[in-house]
Amino acid sequence: MELTFRKATSDDLEDIVRIYDKSHDAEEAGLTTTGWKRGIYPVRSVAEASLARGDMYVAELTDDEHPEPWIIATGVINQIQVDVYADCDWIYRGPDEDVSVLHTLAVDPDARGKGAGPAFVRFWEGLAAEQGCSILRIDTNALNKRARNMYAKLGYIESGIVPTVFNGLKNVDLVMMEKFIGTDIQRRLREMQDAEYADFQMALIPGKEHECAIGVRTPQLRGFAKELYRASQKGGDAARRELEEFMGTLPHKYFDEMQLHAFVISEIKDFDTCIAEVERFLPYIDNWATCDQLSPKTFKKHRHELLTYIGRWLGSEHTYTVRFGILMLMQHFLDEDFDISYMDRIAEIRSDEYYINMMIAWYFATALAKQPGPALAVLEEQRLAKWTHNKAIQKAIESRRITDEQKSYLRTLKIR
C-alpha cells in the first residue's frame, strides 16, 4: 500500500465532493459522528473555494485492489484562522505568519482503517515546517470523538471549547486544538514562558504586538545563551549544528529569539567571529531593547579594532545600527580610552529618529558624570538639537552620579 499527498487540482473536484457525500451518508446512517450536515457543511462550494485559493490537498492510495491512484482523503491547509479562533485562549501564542491551520479533513468512509487520517496530519505538519510555521491549529466538533482521540494520540492539546455557529451549523461546541512543532531551542523558550511578562514586555516596545513575544525573563535568556554557547564549543557536533542553525535564521519571528541571539553573540570570545555575527545581526534589529542588550564581552579587549566598525555604524541609515554605535562609544570610550573626537562625532549626528536621539541624550548624560568638562562644553555651546539637548540635561538631573550643584547649573542650560 502506498499513500501519497499532493495539492488538489480542479480535476479532483468530483472526488472531493464524493468524499463529502459519503461522509454525510455515514453520518445519517449513524456510523460516525462528525457533526457535519448534508447541504450545510461541507458542500461543493467549500471545495470550489479552496481549489480557487490553491489550498486544497488530497491523499491518494495505491494498493493491490486499486492499482490506479484512489483519492481517499482531502483537507484544506492554509493560515486562515476563522473568527471564532479569537475566542480561544491558545497555549501557544504567535504572529499569524507562524500559524498553520488544517480545515475540513475528510476521509472516505470506505478507506477507514488504512491510516489516512493520521498520515494526512503528519503531511500537514511537514508542510507547515517547510513553510516556517511552528504553531499548528485545528478544530473539530465536540461530538466528533473519533477525531478528538486521533489528534490527542498525535500530540495535539485541546486548548478550549467555544460555543458558536460554525460554517452554517448552529449550536456547535467547537473544540480548539494545537501543537507546537518548532526547534528544540524554540521549545526550550516555550518551557520558560511567562505570558504576563510577555504582555509587560511588549507594552514597553512600540510597534510590537504581544503575539511576537513568548515571555522569557532576561536572566533566563542570558543563562540559556551561555548554555547554548558552551555546549556548541564543548558539546559536540549536534550542539554546534543546533546553534549554527539558530544563528543562521534571521530575522527570528519572536522578540525572545532576537534577545537570545543578542546574548549568544555577546558570549563569543573570538573578536573576528563576534564582529562578523554583530554585523550580520544589526540590520535585523527592530527595537531598542534588543539593540541595548547586544554587548559583546570581547569588545573590552579589542577596543582599538572596534573603533573602525563604530565609525561605520554611526554612518548607517539603519536606526538601530546608529544607536548601537553610540552605545558602544558610551560603554567603551568614556573612561580611560576617551577621546574628545568621539564625543564630537556624536554631537554632529542629526536625526529625526526618536531612538537615535534618545541614545545621544543618554550618551551625554553619562558623559556628564564621566567626562564632565567636555560634555558640559557641548551643552554650553548648544551643539545638540534642542530636544536632544534638553533630554540629556533631564536624564543627567535624574542621575545619582551628578551632584546637586551640577544639577542646579544644568537646569540653567535648558533651551526654552
Protein backbone atom coordinates (compact mmCIF):
# COMPACT_ATOMS: atom_id res chain seq x y z
CA MET A 1 0.00 0.00 0.00
CA GLU A 2 1.32 3.45 -0.94
CA LEU A 3 -0.19 6.69 0.31
CA THR A 4 0.86 9.94 -1.38
CA PHE A 5 -0.15 13.56 -0.87
CA ARG A 6 -0.38 16.45 -3.29
CA LYS A 7 -2.08 19.77 -3.90
CA ALA A 8 -5.50 19.23 -5.47
CA THR A 9 -6.48 20.46 -8.91
CA SER A 10 -9.85 21.26 -10.44
CA ASP A 11 -9.89 17.74 -11.88
CA ASP A 12 -10.19 16.42 -8.32
CA LEU A 13 -13.39 18.31 -7.52
CA GLU A 14 -15.80 15.41 -8.07
CA ASP A 15 -13.67 13.05 -5.97
CA ILE A 16 -13.58 15.59 -3.14
CA VAL A 17 -17.34 16.10 -3.28
CA ARG A 18 -17.76 12.32 -3.36
CA ILE A 19 -15.90 12.07 -0.04
CA TYR A 20 -18.11 14.80 1.43
CA ASP A 21 -21.26 13.00 0.28
CA LYS A 22 -20.11 9.60 1.57
CA SER A 23 -19.24 11.25 4.91
CA HIS A 24 -22.80 12.60 5.10
CA ASP A 25 -24.14 9.14 4.23
CA ALA A 26 -22.18 7.62 7.11
CA GLU A 27 -23.37 10.37 9.47
CA GLU A 28 -27.02 9.86 8.55
CA ALA A 29 -26.65 6.09 8.93
CA GLY A 30 -25.29 6.54 12.44
CA LEU A 31 -21.93 5.03 11.50
CA THR A 32 -19.99 8.11 12.51
CA THR A 33 -20.47 11.35 14.42
CA THR A 34 -18.73 14.35 12.87
CA GLY A 35 -21.40 16.97 13.49
CA TRP A 36 -21.46 17.73 9.74
CA LYS A 37 -24.80 18.11 7.91
CA ARG A 38 -25.67 17.48 4.29
CA GLY A 39 -26.44 20.64 2.39
CA ILE A 40 -24.86 22.82 5.07
CA TYR A 41 -21.25 21.76 5.59
CA PRO A 42 -19.10 20.61 3.93
CA VAL A 43 -20.57 21.14 0.45
CA ARG A 44 -19.32 21.54 -3.12
CA SER A 45 -18.84 25.31 -2.73
CA VAL A 46 -16.35 24.68 0.11
CA ALA A 47 -14.19 22.59 -2.22
CA GLU A 48 -14.58 25.04 -5.09
CA ALA A 49 -13.48 27.97 -2.94
CA SER A 50 -10.48 26.06 -1.64
CA LEU A 51 -9.43 24.95 -5.12
CA ALA A 52 -9.69 28.57 -6.29
CA ARG A 53 -7.39 29.64 -3.41
CA GLY A 54 -4.98 26.83 -4.11
CA ASP A 55 -5.00 25.42 -0.58
CA MET A 56 -6.84 22.11 -1.08
CA TYR A 57 -4.82 18.91 -0.70
CA VAL A 58 -5.65 15.26 -1.30
CA ALA A 59 -4.29 11.88 -0.29
CA GLU A 60 -4.08 9.15 -2.94
CA LEU A 61 -3.93 5.44 -2.19
CA THR A 62 -2.43 2.81 -4.46
CA ASP A 63 -2.62 -0.87 -3.46
CA ASP A 64 -3.32 -4.29 -4.92
CA GLU A 65 -7.04 -3.59 -5.01
CA HIS A 66 -6.60 -0.11 -6.51
CA PRO A 67 -3.63 -0.09 -8.91
CA GLU A 68 -4.72 3.35 -10.09
CA PRO A 69 -4.41 6.17 -7.52
CA TRP A 70 -7.59 6.48 -5.45
CA ILE A 71 -8.32 9.75 -3.64
CA ILE A 72 -9.26 8.71 -0.11
CA ALA A 73 -8.82 11.90 1.92
CA THR A 74 -8.96 15.65 1.50
CA GLY A 75 -8.20 18.67 3.61
CA VAL A 76 -7.61 22.40 3.41
CA ILE A 77 -4.24 23.71 4.61
CA ASN A 78 -3.66 27.44 4.96
CA GLN A 79 -3.04 30.19 7.50
CA ILE A 80 -6.64 31.38 7.69
CA GLN A 81 -7.85 31.44 11.28
CA VAL A 82 -11.62 31.71 11.39
CA ASP A 83 -13.16 34.39 13.59
CA VAL A 84 -14.03 32.02 16.44
CA TYR A 85 -10.31 31.28 16.94
CA ALA A 86 -10.02 34.70 18.56
CA ASP A 87 -12.25 33.44 21.38
CA CYS A 88 -9.81 30.70 22.38
CA ASP A 89 -7.11 31.15 25.00
CA TRP A 90 -4.41 29.42 22.96
CA ILE A 91 -1.45 27.97 24.83
CA TYR A 92 1.00 28.70 22.03
CA ARG A 93 0.75 32.35 21.06
CA GLY A 94 2.40 33.68 17.97
CA PRO A 95 2.10 36.03 15.00
CA ASP A 96 -0.30 34.94 12.27
CA GLU A 97 2.55 34.05 9.91
CA ASP A 98 3.74 31.43 12.41
CA VAL A 99 0.38 29.60 12.48
CA SER A 100 -0.74 26.88 10.08
CA VAL A 101 -4.32 25.60 10.12
CA LEU A 102 -5.87 22.36 8.85
CA HIS A 103 -9.55 22.66 7.90
CA THR A 104 -12.18 20.15 6.84
CA LEU A 105 -10.14 16.97 6.98
CA ALA A 106 -12.37 14.29 5.45
CA VAL A 107 -11.55 10.62 4.89
CA ASP A 108 -13.54 8.35 2.60
CA PRO A 109 -15.54 6.07 4.95
CA ASP A 110 -14.62 3.10 2.74
CA ALA A 111 -10.93 3.80 3.41
CA ARG A 112 -11.13 3.95 7.18
CA GLY A 113 -8.56 1.82 8.95
CA LYS A 114 -5.86 2.49 6.36
CA GLY A 115 -4.26 5.28 8.43
CA ALA A 116 -5.19 8.08 6.05
CA GLY A 117 -6.25 10.50 8.82
CA PRO A 118 -3.05 10.36 10.88
CA ALA A 119 -0.94 10.30 7.72
CA PHE A 120 -2.69 13.42 6.42
CA VAL A 121 -1.98 15.21 9.71
CA ARG A 122 1.70 14.24 9.54
CA PHE A 123 1.81 15.51 5.95
CA TRP A 124 0.36 18.82 7.15
CA GLU A 125 2.95 19.03 9.91
CA GLY A 126 5.77 18.53 7.41
CA LEU A 127 4.34 21.13 5.04
CA ALA A 128 3.91 23.61 7.88
CA ALA A 129 7.53 23.09 8.95
CA GLU A 130 8.73 23.69 5.38
CA GLN A 131 6.74 26.94 5.35
CA GLY A 132 8.35 28.07 8.62
CA CYS A 133 5.26 27.61 10.79
CA SER A 134 5.80 26.22 14.28
CA ILE A 135 2.25 26.53 15.64
CA LEU A 136 -0.44 24.18 14.32
CA ARG A 137 -4.13 24.78 15.00
CA ILE A 138 -7.16 22.71 14.15
CA ASP A 139 -10.75 22.47 15.31
CA THR A 140 -13.46 19.84 15.38
CA ASN A 141 -16.99 19.43 16.67
CA ALA A 142 -17.05 18.29 20.29
CA LEU A 143 -19.29 15.42 19.14
CA ASN A 144 -16.51 14.03 16.94
CA LYS A 145 -14.83 11.78 19.49
CA ARG A 146 -13.03 9.78 16.80
CA ALA A 147 -11.22 12.90 15.56
CA ARG A 148 -10.50 14.15 19.08
CA ASN A 149 -8.93 10.83 20.03
CA MET A 150 -6.85 10.75 16.85
CA TYR A 151 -5.49 14.26 17.38
CA ALA A 152 -4.72 13.53 21.03
CA LYS A 153 -2.67 10.47 20.01
CA LEU A 154 -0.78 12.69 17.56
CA GLY A 155 0.18 15.11 20.33
CA TYR A 156 -2.47 17.80 19.96
CA ILE A 157 -3.66 19.66 23.04
CA GLU A 158 -7.28 20.68 23.50
CA SER A 159 -7.00 24.36 24.38
CA GLY A 160 -10.66 25.19 24.74
CA ILE A 161 -14.24 24.54 23.67
CA VAL A 162 -16.07 27.51 22.18
CA PRO A 163 -19.85 27.55 21.53
CA THR A 164 -20.50 29.03 18.11
CA VAL A 165 -22.37 28.97 14.82
CA PHE A 166 -19.76 27.39 12.59
CA ASN A 167 -19.96 27.30 8.79
CA GLY A 168 -23.74 27.49 8.99
CA LEU A 169 -24.04 24.81 11.68
CA LYS A 170 -25.86 26.10 14.75
CA ASN A 171 -25.17 25.25 18.39
CA VAL A 172 -21.71 23.84 17.73
CA ASP A 173 -19.30 23.31 20.60
CA LEU A 174 -16.05 23.76 18.71
CA VAL A 175 -13.00 22.06 20.20
CA MET A 176 -9.80 24.03 19.61
CA MET A 177 -6.60 22.00 19.38
CA GLU A 178 -2.99 22.96 18.86
CA LYS A 179 0.53 21.60 18.65
CA PHE A 180 3.99 23.15 18.67
CA ILE A 181 6.50 21.77 16.14
CA GLY A 182 9.34 24.27 16.41
CA THR A 183 13.02 23.62 17.04
CA ASP A 184 14.40 22.38 20.36
CA ILE A 185 15.61 25.92 21.11
CA GLN A 186 12.13 27.30 20.46
CA ARG A 187 10.67 24.53 22.60
CA ARG A 188 13.01 25.41 25.47
CA LEU A 189 11.96 29.04 25.21
CA ARG A 190 8.31 28.00 25.37
CA GLU A 191 9.03 25.99 28.52
CA MET A 192 10.31 29.19 30.18
CA GLN A 193 7.28 31.19 29.07
CA ASP A 194 5.58 33.75 31.30
CA ALA A 195 2.58 35.08 29.37
CA GLU A 196 2.00 38.01 31.74
CA TYR A 197 5.64 39.05 31.39
CA ALA A 198 5.26 38.91 27.60
CA ASP A 199 2.43 41.44 27.78
CA PHE A 200 4.52 43.64 30.07
CA GLN A 201 7.49 43.47 27.70
CA MET A 202 5.54 44.34 24.58
CA ALA A 203 3.88 47.29 26.31
CA LEU A 204 7.36 48.84 26.56
CA ILE A 205 8.20 48.38 22.89
CA PRO A 206 6.09 50.47 20.48
CA GLY A 207 5.01 48.71 17.30
CA LYS A 208 5.39 45.19 18.72
CA GLU A 209 2.30 43.00 19.01
CA HIS A 210 2.02 40.81 22.10
CA GLU A 211 1.88 37.73 19.84
CA CYS A 212 5.52 38.42 18.93
CA ALA A 213 6.74 37.71 22.46
CA ILE A 214 6.99 34.36 24.20
CA GLY A 215 7.68 35.96 27.57
CA VAL A 216 11.04 34.70 28.84
CA ARG A 217 12.68 36.80 31.53
CA THR A 218 16.09 38.30 30.79
CA PRO A 219 18.10 36.34 33.40
CA GLN A 220 16.76 33.09 31.96
CA LEU A 221 17.62 34.17 28.43
CA ARG A 222 21.15 35.08 29.46
CA GLY A 223 21.59 31.74 31.18
CA PHE A 224 20.21 29.86 28.18
CA ALA A 225 22.54 31.77 25.84
CA LYS A 226 25.56 30.79 27.94
CA GLU A 227 24.40 27.18 27.99
CA LEU A 228 23.96 27.07 24.21
CA TYR A 229 27.30 28.72 23.51
CA ARG A 230 29.25 26.50 25.89
CA ALA A 231 27.57 23.40 24.50
CA SER A 232 28.44 24.47 20.97
CA GLN A 233 32.10 24.78 21.99
CA LYS A 234 32.38 21.58 24.01
CA GLY A 235 29.23 19.54 23.44
CA GLY A 236 29.94 18.01 20.07
CA ASP A 237 28.65 18.35 16.52
CA ALA A 238 24.94 18.18 17.36
CA ALA A 239 25.09 21.12 19.78
CA ARG A 240 27.21 23.12 17.35
CA ARG A 241 24.83 22.49 14.45
CA GLU A 242 21.84 23.39 16.61
CA LEU A 243 23.30 26.78 17.47
CA GLU A 244 24.53 27.40 13.92
CA GLU A 245 21.04 26.74 12.60
CA PHE A 246 19.54 29.14 15.12
CA MET A 247 22.11 31.87 14.42
CA GLY A 248 21.65 31.39 10.68
CA THR A 249 17.93 32.11 10.85
CA LEU A 250 17.32 35.84 10.60
CA PRO A 251 15.14 37.59 11.33
CA HIS A 252 13.61 35.50 14.07
CA LYS A 253 9.85 35.69 14.47
CA TYR A 254 9.87 36.23 18.20
CA PHE A 255 11.29 39.02 20.32
CA ASP A 256 12.69 36.45 22.76
CA GLU A 257 14.61 34.74 19.97
CA MET A 258 16.14 38.06 18.94
CA GLN A 259 17.12 38.69 22.55
CA LEU A 260 18.63 35.22 22.83
CA HIS A 261 20.54 35.82 19.60
CA ALA A 262 21.99 39.04 21.03
CA PHE A 263 23.03 37.27 24.23
CA VAL A 264 24.71 34.43 22.32
CA ILE A 265 26.71 36.94 20.26
CA SER A 266 27.74 38.63 23.50
CA GLU A 267 29.28 35.32 24.63
CA ILE A 268 31.51 34.80 21.57
CA LYS A 269 35.15 35.08 22.61
CA ASP A 270 36.90 35.39 19.25
CA PHE A 271 36.73 39.03 18.12
CA ASP A 272 36.64 38.38 14.37
CA THR A 273 33.86 35.81 14.72
CA CYS A 274 31.96 38.07 17.09
CA ILE A 275 32.18 41.18 14.94
CA ALA A 276 31.03 39.20 11.89
CA GLU A 277 27.98 38.00 13.81
CA VAL A 278 27.27 41.53 15.05
CA GLU A 279 27.43 42.94 11.53
CA ARG A 280 25.10 40.22 10.26
CA PHE A 281 22.66 40.76 13.12
CA LEU A 282 22.45 44.57 13.24
CA PRO A 283 20.29 45.09 10.10
CA TYR A 284 17.58 42.88 11.60
CA ILE A 285 17.29 44.67 14.95
CA ASP A 286 13.96 46.49 15.06
CA ASN A 287 13.64 47.67 18.65
CA TRP A 288 15.63 49.46 21.33
CA ALA A 289 15.60 46.56 23.79
CA THR A 290 17.39 44.09 21.51
CA CYS A 291 19.83 46.81 20.44
CA ASP A 292 20.74 47.69 24.00
CA GLN A 293 21.14 44.07 25.13
CA LEU A 294 23.79 43.42 22.49
CA SER A 295 27.02 43.91 24.42
CA PRO A 296 29.84 41.53 23.40
CA LYS A 297 32.30 40.85 26.19
CA THR A 298 35.21 40.51 23.81
CA PHE A 299 34.92 44.18 22.75
CA LYS A 300 36.60 45.22 26.00
CA LYS A 301 39.83 43.55 24.86
CA HIS A 302 39.67 44.83 21.30
CA ARG A 303 38.71 48.50 21.63
CA HIS A 304 41.19 49.68 19.00
CA GLU A 305 39.81 47.30 16.35
CA LEU A 306 36.25 48.15 17.41
CA LEU A 307 36.63 51.85 16.55
CA THR A 308 36.73 51.17 12.81
CA TYR A 309 33.37 49.42 12.97
CA ILE A 310 31.83 52.06 15.23
CA GLY A 311 32.66 54.73 12.68
CA ARG A 312 30.84 52.76 10.01
CA TRP A 313 27.84 52.09 12.25
CA LEU A 314 27.42 55.79 13.06
CA GLY A 315 27.09 56.50 9.35
CA SER A 316 24.43 53.87 8.76
CA GLU A 317 20.92 54.64 7.55
CA HIS A 318 19.51 51.99 9.89
CA THR A 319 18.20 53.44 13.16
CA TYR A 320 19.39 50.71 15.49
CA THR A 321 22.79 50.35 13.86
CA VAL A 322 23.43 54.03 14.60
CA ARG A 323 22.06 53.61 18.11
CA PHE A 324 24.34 50.62 18.67
CA GLY A 325 27.38 52.60 17.50
CA ILE A 326 26.61 55.35 20.02
CA LEU A 327 26.05 52.73 22.71
CA MET A 328 29.46 51.19 22.05
CA LEU A 329 31.17 54.60 22.36
CA MET A 330 29.32 55.15 25.62
CA GLN A 331 30.22 51.75 27.04
CA HIS A 332 33.85 51.54 25.96
CA PHE A 333 35.18 55.06 25.32
CA LEU A 334 34.05 57.30 28.16
CA ASP A 335 36.73 56.19 30.62
CA GLU A 336 40.47 55.75 30.12
CA ASP A 337 40.10 55.41 26.32
CA PHE A 338 38.10 58.62 25.97
CA ASP A 339 38.96 60.94 23.11
CA ILE A 340 37.09 64.20 22.57
CA SER A 341 36.84 63.44 18.85
CA TYR A 342 34.45 60.59 19.67
CA MET A 343 32.17 63.00 21.53
CA ASP A 344 32.41 65.49 18.69
CA ARG A 345 31.30 62.79 16.25
CA ILE A 346 28.17 62.07 18.25
CA ALA A 347 27.38 65.77 18.71
CA GLU A 348 27.33 66.11 14.93
CA ILE A 349 24.64 63.50 14.41
CA ARG A 350 21.29 64.86 13.34
CA SER A 351 18.32 62.54 13.02
CA ASP A 352 14.54 62.52 13.08
CA GLU A 353 14.60 59.09 14.72
CA TYR A 354 13.49 59.12 18.35
CA TYR A 355 15.64 56.15 19.35
CA ILE A 356 18.80 57.68 17.91
CA ASN A 357 18.20 60.99 19.64
CA MET A 358 17.38 59.28 22.91
CA MET A 359 20.69 57.39 22.76
CA ILE A 360 22.57 60.62 22.07
CA ALA A 361 20.91 62.14 25.14
CA TRP A 362 21.81 59.06 27.18
CA TYR A 363 25.41 59.30 25.97
CA PHE A 364 25.79 62.92 27.07
CA ALA A 365 24.01 62.33 30.38
CA THR A 366 26.55 59.57 31.07
CA ALA A 367 29.40 61.72 29.80
CA LEU A 368 28.44 64.49 32.26
CA ALA A 369 29.28 62.02 35.04
CA LYS A 370 32.41 60.53 33.46
CA GLN A 371 33.82 63.35 31.33
CA PRO A 372 32.07 66.43 32.75
CA GLY A 373 34.31 69.10 31.22
CA PRO A 374 33.98 68.20 27.53
CA ALA A 375 30.32 67.16 27.89
CA LEU A 376 29.41 70.41 29.63
CA ALA A 377 31.12 72.37 26.88
CA VAL A 378 28.91 70.70 24.25
CA LEU A 379 25.81 71.73 26.18
CA GLU A 380 27.05 75.26 26.87
CA GLU A 381 27.75 75.72 23.17
CA GLN A 382 24.32 74.23 22.30
CA ARG A 383 25.81 71.86 19.77
CA LEU A 384 22.96 69.34 20.05
CA ALA A 385 19.47 69.56 18.60
CA LYS A 386 17.09 71.27 21.02
CA TRP A 387 15.11 68.16 22.01
CA THR A 388 18.26 66.08 22.46
CA HIS A 389 19.98 68.86 24.40
CA ASN A 390 17.11 69.16 26.87
CA LYS A 391 16.66 65.39 27.16
CA ALA A 392 20.36 64.97 28.01
CA ILE A 393 20.00 67.53 30.78
CA GLN A 394 16.84 65.84 32.06
CA LYS A 395 18.50 62.41 32.19
CA ALA A 396 21.58 63.85 33.91
CA ILE A 397 19.45 65.58 36.54
CA GLU A 398 17.72 62.24 37.20
CA SER A 399 21.10 60.54 37.71
CA ARG A 400 22.58 59.90 41.14
CA ARG A 401 26.08 60.34 39.70
CA ILE A 402 25.57 64.08 39.25
CA THR A 403 25.96 66.38 42.27
CA ASP A 404 23.21 68.73 43.37
CA GLU A 405 25.42 71.67 42.45
CA GLN A 406 25.92 70.32 38.94
CA LYS A 407 22.19 69.69 38.58
CA SER A 408 21.41 73.27 39.53
CA TYR A 409 23.78 74.56 36.86
CA LEU A 410 22.42 72.14 34.23
CA ARG A 411 18.92 73.50 34.80
CA THR A 412 20.15 76.93 33.70
CA LEU A 413 21.34 75.43 30.39
CA LYS A 414 17.94 74.23 29.20
CA ILE A 415 16.88 75.66 25.87
CA ARG A 416 13.48 77.28 26.25
